[in-house]
Amino acid sequence: MSRSVVFKEFDSLSEVWKHFLRAEDGHSAKCKLCPNILKISHCSTKGLHTHLRAIHNINLHEDNAERDIPSEERSALQVEVSAKKKEAYRLFSG
């Protein structure tokens, strides 16, 4: 006889849990956005983040400030930061 898995809200500081319900046994999580159930290994949420990014185009690892910047401006800022990193490397590498 198979045992039914019960999923519940999980109170955590990790933003990923806003998108998943955690199994009472702590070994799996059910996505709130689709019917997928994902295995959780060693209390890691990496698979949950990967699912959100790959299936739902949600990237929780982006800096919150970056999410508020329009993509055109973000691209320009990334180019500017990259140029500054190159210059700093040139100055400090001798």
N, C-alpha and C. Protein backbone atom coordinates (compact mmCIF):
# COMPACT_ATOMS: atom_id res chain seq x y z
N MET A 1 0.85 -1.18 0.00
CA MET A 1 0.00 0.00 0.00
C MET A 1 0.90 1.25 0.00
N SER A 2 0.68 2.16 -0.94
CA SER A 2 1.51 3.37 -1.00
C SER A 2 0.93 4.45 -0.08
N ARG A 3 1.83 5.19 0.47
CA ARG A 3 1.46 6.26 1.40
C ARG A 3 1.30 7.56 0.62
N SER A 4 0.27 8.31 0.88
CA SER A 4 0.01 9.58 0.23
C SER A 4 0.92 10.66 0.84
N VAL A 5 1.53 11.47 -0.02
CA VAL A 5 2.42 12.54 0.44
C VAL A 5 1.58 13.80 0.64
N VAL A 6 1.77 14.44 1.78
CA VAL A 6 1.04 15.66 2.11
C VAL A 6 2.00 16.85 1.93
N PHE A 7 1.56 17.84 1.14
CA PHE A 7 2.36 19.04 0.91
C PHE A 7 1.75 20.21 1.66
N LYS A 8 2.62 21.03 2.27
CA LYS A 8 2.17 22.18 3.04
C LYS A 8 3.06 23.38 2.76
N GLU A 9 2.55 24.58 3.08
CA GLU A 9 3.35 25.79 3.00
C GLU A 9 4.58 25.61 3.89
N PHE A 10 5.70 26.17 3.48
CA PHE A 10 6.92 26.06 4.26
C PHE A 10 7.43 27.46 4.55
N ASP A 11 7.49 27.80 5.82
CA ASP A 11 7.93 29.13 6.25
C ASP A 11 9.45 29.17 6.26
N SER A 12 10.02 29.94 5.34
CA SER A 12 11.47 30.00 5.20
C SER A 12 11.88 31.39 4.75
N LEU A 13 13.11 31.75 5.03
CA LEU A 13 13.63 33.02 4.54
C LEU A 13 13.93 32.96 3.04
N SER A 14 14.10 31.76 2.51
CA SER A 14 14.39 31.59 1.09
C SER A 14 13.16 31.91 0.26
N GLU A 15 13.32 32.81 -0.69
CA GLU A 15 12.22 33.25 -1.55
C GLU A 15 11.68 32.12 -2.43
N VAL A 16 12.48 31.09 -2.64
CA VAL A 16 12.06 29.98 -3.51
C VAL A 16 10.80 29.30 -2.98
N TRP A 17 10.62 29.29 -1.66
CA TRP A 17 9.49 28.59 -1.06
C TRP A 17 8.17 29.32 -1.29
N LYS A 18 8.19 30.52 -1.83
CA LYS A 18 6.95 31.20 -2.20
C LYS A 18 6.31 30.51 -3.39
N HIS A 19 7.09 29.71 -4.12
CA HIS A 19 6.63 29.06 -5.34
C HIS A 19 6.41 27.55 -5.19
N PHE A 20 6.66 27.01 -3.99
CA PHE A 20 6.57 25.57 -3.77
C PHE A 20 5.88 25.24 -2.45
N LEU A 21 5.28 24.07 -2.40
CA LEU A 21 4.80 23.49 -1.15
C LEU A 21 5.76 22.37 -0.81
N ARG A 22 6.11 22.23 0.45
CA ARG A 22 7.08 21.21 0.87
C ARG A 22 6.35 19.99 1.42
N ALA A 23 6.83 18.82 1.05
CA ALA A 23 6.27 17.59 1.59
C ALA A 23 6.57 17.51 3.08
N GLU A 24 5.64 16.95 3.83
CA GLU A 24 5.83 16.83 5.28
C GLU A 24 7.11 16.07 5.62
N ASP A 25 7.49 15.11 4.78
CA ASP A 25 8.71 14.34 5.06
C ASP A 25 9.97 15.09 4.65
N GLY A 26 9.83 16.24 3.97
CA GLY A 26 10.98 17.07 3.60
C GLY A 26 11.78 16.56 2.41
N HIS A 27 11.29 15.53 1.71
CA HIS A 27 12.05 14.95 0.61
C HIS A 27 11.61 15.41 -0.78
N SER A 28 10.52 16.18 -0.86
CA SER A 28 10.06 16.66 -2.16
C SER A 28 9.29 17.96 -2.00
N ALA A 29 9.08 18.62 -3.14
CA ALA A 29 8.35 19.89 -3.16
C ALA A 29 7.45 19.92 -4.38
N LYS A 30 6.26 20.48 -4.24
CA LYS A 30 5.30 20.60 -5.33
C LYS A 30 5.27 22.05 -5.78
N CYS A 31 5.46 22.25 -7.08
CA CYS A 31 5.43 23.60 -7.66
C CYS A 31 4.00 24.13 -7.59
N LYS A 32 3.85 25.40 -7.20
CA LYS A 32 2.54 26.04 -7.16
C LYS A 32 2.11 26.53 -8.54
N LEU A 33 3.07 26.60 -9.47
CA LEU A 33 2.79 27.15 -10.80
C LEU A 33 2.46 26.07 -11.83
N CYS A 34 2.79 24.83 -11.54
CA CYS A 34 2.53 23.72 -12.45
C CYS A 34 2.39 22.45 -11.60
N PRO A 35 2.04 21.33 -12.20
CA PRO A 35 1.82 20.12 -11.39
C PRO A 35 3.09 19.34 -11.02
N ASN A 36 4.27 19.86 -11.36
CA ASN A 36 5.51 19.11 -11.10
C ASN A 36 5.82 18.96 -9.62
N ILE A 37 6.34 17.79 -9.29
CA ILE A 37 6.84 17.48 -7.95
C ILE A 37 8.32 17.19 -8.10
N LEU A 38 9.14 17.89 -7.32
CA LEU A 38 10.59 17.77 -7.42
C LEU A 38 11.17 17.17 -6.16
N LYS A 39 12.19 16.35 -6.34
CA LYS A 39 12.90 15.75 -5.22
C LYS A 39 13.84 16.80 -4.61
N ILE A 40 13.96 16.79 -3.30
CA ILE A 40 14.89 17.67 -2.60
C ILE A 40 16.00 16.80 -2.02
N SER A 41 17.24 17.08 -2.39
CA SER A 41 18.37 16.30 -1.90
C SER A 41 19.15 17.08 -0.86
N HIS A 42 19.34 16.51 0.29
CA HIS A 42 20.17 17.09 1.35
C HIS A 42 19.75 18.52 1.68
N CYS A 43 18.46 18.79 1.71
CA CYS A 43 17.90 20.11 2.05
C CYS A 43 18.33 21.20 1.08
N SER A 44 18.79 20.85 -0.11
CA SER A 44 19.21 21.84 -1.10
C SER A 44 18.02 22.31 -1.93
N THR A 45 17.97 23.60 -2.20
CA THR A 45 16.90 24.16 -3.04
C THR A 45 17.38 24.44 -4.46
N LYS A 46 18.58 23.98 -4.81
CA LYS A 46 19.13 24.22 -6.15
C LYS A 46 18.19 23.71 -7.24
N GLY A 47 17.65 22.52 -7.08
CA GLY A 47 16.73 21.97 -8.07
C GLY A 47 15.46 22.80 -8.21
N LEU A 48 15.02 23.39 -7.11
CA LEU A 48 13.83 24.24 -7.15
C LEU A 48 14.12 25.51 -7.93
N HIS A 49 15.29 26.11 -7.68
CA HIS A 49 15.70 27.31 -8.42
C HIS A 49 15.84 26.99 -9.91
N THR A 50 16.44 25.84 -10.20
CA THR A 50 16.64 25.43 -11.59
C THR A 50 15.29 25.25 -12.29
N HIS A 51 14.34 24.63 -11.62
CA HIS A 51 13.00 24.44 -12.17
C HIS A 51 12.35 25.78 -12.48
N LEU A 52 12.39 26.71 -11.52
CA LEU A 52 11.77 28.02 -11.73
C LEU A 52 12.38 28.75 -12.92
N ARG A 53 13.71 28.68 -13.03
CA ARG A 53 14.42 29.37 -14.11
C ARG A 53 14.13 28.72 -15.47
N ALA A 54 14.20 27.38 -15.53
CA ALA A 54 14.07 26.67 -16.80
C ALA A 54 12.62 26.57 -17.29
N ILE A 55 11.70 26.34 -16.39
CA ILE A 55 10.31 26.09 -16.78
C ILE A 55 9.46 27.36 -16.75
N HIS A 56 9.70 28.22 -15.76
CA HIS A 56 8.83 29.39 -15.58
C HIS A 56 9.54 30.72 -15.84
N ASN A 57 10.80 30.68 -16.25
CA ASN A 57 11.59 31.88 -16.54
C ASN A 57 11.63 32.84 -15.34
N ILE A 58 11.77 32.28 -14.15
CA ILE A 58 11.88 33.06 -12.91
C ILE A 58 13.27 32.83 -12.35
N ASN A 59 14.04 33.91 -12.23
CA ASN A 59 15.40 33.81 -11.69
C ASN A 59 15.46 34.55 -10.36
N LEU A 60 15.41 33.81 -9.28
CA LEU A 60 15.44 34.40 -7.94
C LEU A 60 16.83 34.83 -7.51
N HIS A 61 17.86 34.40 -8.24
CA HIS A 61 19.22 34.76 -7.87
C HIS A 61 19.64 36.13 -8.36
N GLU A 62 18.83 36.75 -9.22
CA GLU A 62 19.16 38.10 -9.65
C GLU A 62 19.06 39.02 -8.44
N ASP A 63 19.91 40.00 -8.41
CA ASP A 63 19.84 41.00 -7.35
C ASP A 63 18.50 41.73 -7.47
N ASN A 64 17.81 41.95 -6.35
CA ASN A 64 16.51 42.63 -6.38
C ASN A 64 16.59 43.98 -7.08
N ALA A 65 17.65 44.72 -6.87
CA ALA A 65 17.80 46.02 -7.51
C ALA A 65 17.88 45.87 -9.03
N GLU A 66 18.56 44.83 -9.49
CA GLU A 66 18.70 44.61 -10.93
C GLU A 66 17.37 44.30 -11.57
N ARG A 67 16.47 43.62 -10.87
CA ARG A 67 15.18 43.26 -11.44
C ARG A 67 14.35 44.49 -11.76
N ASP A 68 14.59 45.60 -11.04
CA ASP A 68 13.82 46.81 -11.25
C ASP A 68 14.37 47.67 -12.38
N ILE A 69 15.52 47.33 -12.92
CA ILE A 69 16.14 48.10 -13.99
C ILE A 69 15.71 47.52 -15.33
N PRO A 70 15.20 48.37 -16.25
CA PRO A 70 14.82 47.86 -17.57
C PRO A 70 16.00 47.18 -18.26
N SER A 71 15.73 46.16 -19.07
CA SER A 71 16.79 45.34 -19.65
C SER A 71 17.77 46.15 -20.49
N GLU A 72 17.30 47.19 -21.21
CA GLU A 72 18.23 48.00 -22.02
C GLU A 72 19.25 48.71 -21.12
N GLU A 73 18.75 49.28 -20.02
CA GLU A 73 19.64 49.98 -19.09
C GLU A 73 20.58 48.98 -18.40
N ARG A 74 20.05 47.79 -18.07
CA ARG A 74 20.87 46.78 -17.40
C ARG A 74 22.02 46.35 -18.31
N SER A 75 21.75 46.19 -19.62
CA SER A 75 22.80 45.82 -20.57
C SER A 75 23.89 46.88 -20.62
N ALA A 76 23.49 48.16 -20.66
CA ALA A 76 24.46 49.25 -20.69
C ALA A 76 25.29 49.27 -19.41
N LEU A 77 24.66 49.02 -18.27
CA LEU A 77 25.38 48.99 -17.00
C LEU A 77 26.36 47.82 -16.96
N GLN A 78 25.96 46.67 -17.50
CA GLN A 78 26.85 45.51 -17.52
C GLN A 78 28.08 45.77 -18.36
N VAL A 79 27.91 46.46 -19.50
CA VAL A 79 29.04 46.81 -20.36
C VAL A 79 29.96 47.76 -19.61
N GLU A 80 29.38 48.74 -18.93
CA GLU A 80 30.17 49.71 -18.16
C GLU A 80 30.95 49.03 -17.04
N VAL A 81 30.31 48.15 -16.31
CA VAL A 81 30.98 47.43 -15.22
C VAL A 81 32.09 46.55 -15.78
N SER A 82 31.82 45.87 -16.90
CA SER A 82 32.82 45.01 -17.53
C SER A 82 34.05 45.82 -17.91
N ALA A 83 33.85 47.00 -18.49
CA ALA A 83 34.98 47.86 -18.88
C ALA A 83 35.78 48.29 -17.65
N LYS A 84 35.08 48.61 -16.56
CA LYS A 84 35.77 49.02 -15.33
C LYS A 84 36.56 47.87 -14.73
N LYS A 85 36.01 46.64 -14.80
CA LYS A 85 36.73 45.47 -14.30
C LYS A 85 38.00 45.24 -15.10
N LYS A 86 37.90 45.37 -16.42
CA LYS A 86 39.08 45.20 -17.27
C LYS A 86 40.14 46.23 -16.95
N GLU A 87 39.73 47.47 -16.74
CA GLU A 87 40.68 48.54 -16.42
C GLU A 87 41.34 48.28 -15.07
N ALA A 88 40.56 47.86 -14.08
CA ALA A 88 41.11 47.57 -12.76
C ALA A 88 42.10 46.39 -12.84
N TYR A 89 41.75 45.37 -13.60
CA TYR A 89 42.65 44.23 -13.78
C TYR A 89 43.95 44.68 -14.41
N ARG A 90 43.85 45.53 -15.44
CA ARG A 90 45.04 46.03 -16.13
C ARG A 90 45.93 46.81 -15.16
N LEU A 91 45.33 47.63 -14.32
CA LEU A 91 46.10 48.45 -13.38
C LEU A 91 46.78 47.63 -12.31
N PHE A 92 46.09 46.59 -11.81
CA PHE A 92 46.63 45.81 -10.70
C PHE A 92 47.45 44.61 -11.10
N SER A 93 47.39 44.23 -12.37
CA SER A 93 48.15 43.05 -12.77
C SER A 93 49.53 43.42 -13.27
N GLY A 94 49.82 44.67 -13.26
CA GLY A 94 51.19 45.11 -13.49
C GLY A 94 51.53 45.40 -14.87
